[in-house]
Protein backbone atom coordinates (compact mmCIF):
# COMPACT_ATOMS: atom_id res chain seq x y z
CA UNK A 1 -9.29 9.63 0.05
CA UNK A 2 -6.52 7.92 -2.04
CA UNK A 3 -4.77 4.65 -0.49
CA UNK A 4 -2.77 2.60 -1.42
CA UNK A 5 -2.59 -1.02 -1.44
CA UNK A 6 0.18 -4.01 -2.04
CA UNK A 7 -1.62 -6.27 -4.45
CA UNK A 8 -0.90 -9.54 -6.24
CA UNK A 9 -3.49 -8.76 -9.01
CA UNK A 10 -4.49 -5.21 -10.23
CA UNK A 11 -8.44 -5.22 -9.18
CA UNK A 12 -10.34 -5.54 -6.48
CA UNK A 13 -10.74 -8.81 -6.19
CA UNK A 14 -6.70 -9.47 -6.52
CA UNK A 15 -5.10 -10.69 -3.55
CA UNK A 16 -2.81 -8.24 -1.02
CA UNK A 17 0.45 -8.48 -1.22
CA UNK A 18 2.11 -9.27 1.52
CA UNK A 19 5.81 -7.11 0.79
CA UNK A 20 5.88 -3.52 0.40
CA UNK A 21 9.00 -3.21 -1.49
CA UNK A 22 8.57 -5.50 -3.93
CA UNK A 23 4.93 -6.20 -4.62
CA UNK A 24 4.17 -6.72 -8.06
CA UNK A 25 1.32 -4.19 -8.02
CA UNK A 26 -0.21 -0.68 -6.35
CA UNK A 27 -3.84 -0.33 -6.35
CA UNK A 28 -5.02 3.35 -5.77
CA UNK A 29 -8.70 3.32 -4.09
CA UNK A 30 -10.90 6.57 -3.93
CA UNK A 31 -12.94 5.07 -0.28
CA UNK A 32 -15.46 6.93 -1.47
CA UNK A 33 -16.43 5.45 -4.50
CA UNK A 34 -14.24 2.51 -4.13
CA UNK A 35 -13.33 3.34 -8.33
CA UNK A 36 -9.31 2.00 -8.41
CA UNK A 37 -6.90 2.34 -10.55
CA UNK A 38 -3.58 -0.13 -10.67
CA UNK A 39 -0.63 0.55 -11.99
CA UNK A 40 3.15 -1.77 -11.93
CA UNK A 41 5.20 -1.48 -8.73
CA UNK A 42 8.59 0.36 -10.74
CA UNK A 43 10.36 -1.00 -8.08
CA UNK A 44 9.71 -4.79 -7.69
CA UNK A 45 12.32 -5.94 -9.75
CA UNK A 46 15.80 -3.92 -8.04
CA UNK A 47 18.62 -4.50 -6.48
CA UNK A 48 18.79 -3.07 -3.28
CA UNK A 49 16.68 0.35 -2.62
CA UNK A 50 13.15 -1.64 -3.38
CA UNK A 51 11.29 -0.08 -0.01
CA UNK A 52 12.13 3.56 -0.44
CA UNK A 53 11.70 3.71 -4.58
CA UNK A 54 7.86 2.09 -3.66
CA UNK A 55 7.86 4.80 -0.89
CA UNK A 56 8.75 7.80 -2.89
CA UNK A 57 6.18 5.97 -6.12
CA UNK A 58 3.30 6.16 -3.92
CA UNK A 59 3.53 9.92 -2.22
CA UNK A 60 4.02 10.64 -6.02
CA UNK A 61 1.68 9.21 -7.15
CA UNK A 62 -0.89 11.02 -4.13
CA UNK A 63 -2.20 8.17 -1.83
CA UNK A 64 -2.86 9.23 1.43
CA UNK A 65 -2.47 6.46 3.09
CA UNK A 66 -1.47 2.38 2.58
CA UNK A 67 -2.21 -0.80 3.78
CA UNK A 68 0.39 -3.78 2.77
CA UNK A 69 0.97 -7.21 4.90
CA UNK A 70 4.22 -5.80 5.15
CA UNK A 71 6.84 -3.07 5.92
CA UNK A 72 10.17 -2.36 6.36
CA UNK A 73 12.44 0.25 8.30
CA UNK A 74 13.19 3.04 5.60
CA UNK A 75 10.55 2.80 3.25
CA UNK A 76 8.57 2.93 6.46
CA UNK A 77 10.53 6.36 7.42
CA UNK A 78 9.91 7.85 3.28
CA UNK A 79 5.87 7.08 4.13
CA UNK A 80 6.03 8.38 8.22
CA UNK A 81 7.70 11.70 6.70
CA UNK A 82 5.24 12.16 3.83
CA UNK A 83 2.59 11.46 6.34
CA UNK A 84 1.31 8.55 4.65
CA UNK A 85 -0.03 6.58 7.77
CA UNK A 86 0.95 2.14 7.10
CA UNK A 87 -1.86 -0.27 8.22
CA UNK A 88 -1.16 -3.50 8.55
CA UNK A 89 -3.46 -6.07 6.99
CA UNK A 90 -3.15 -10.00 7.13
CA UNK A 91 -4.57 -12.07 4.13
CA UNK A 92 -7.49 -10.41 1.96
CA UNK A 93 -7.76 -9.22 -0.79
CA UNK A 94 -7.57 -5.90 -1.55
CA UNK A 95 -11.10 -4.93 -1.66
CA UNK A 96 -12.06 -6.83 2.12
CA UNK A 97 -8.29 -5.01 3.46
CA UNK A 98 -9.74 -1.60 1.55
CA UNK A 99 -13.93 -2.64 3.95
CA UNK A 100 -11.66 -3.38 6.95
CA UNK A 101 -9.93 0.17 6.68
CA UNK A 102 -13.47 1.73 6.17
CA UNK A 103 -14.63 -0.23 9.40
CA UNK A 104 -11.53 1.33 11.87
CA UNK A 105 -10.53 -2.32 11.78
CA UNK A 106 -6.88 -1.18 10.72
CA UNK A 107 -4.77 0.46 13.04
CA UNK A 108 -2.35 2.99 11.68
CA UNK A 109 1.67 0.75 12.55
CA UNK A 110 3.72 2.33 14.63
CA UNK A 111 6.75 3.92 13.54
CA UNK A 112 9.39 1.86 14.17
């Protein structure tokens, strides 16, 4: 399954970014193989509506779930509407966050 992880860099050993809408990079990871692609967040530098734009980008990339440190209510609604659960993770690398997700340690965030 393809999941999107907010990241500070472009690989599995990058730090998880605690911010969804303005994270520098999304790392898209195939959970079965740990193969990944990194893409700059096109909403990172926008003045307003970054969360919604970032959520639409993640949906368009075909992700089926999101791992991040925090997500705002507008972005969360976009992701929820697209049936993408959001999982919150603390300080970790992308790899550690994905491993925690695969182990079932990251519960889906309830819709606020």
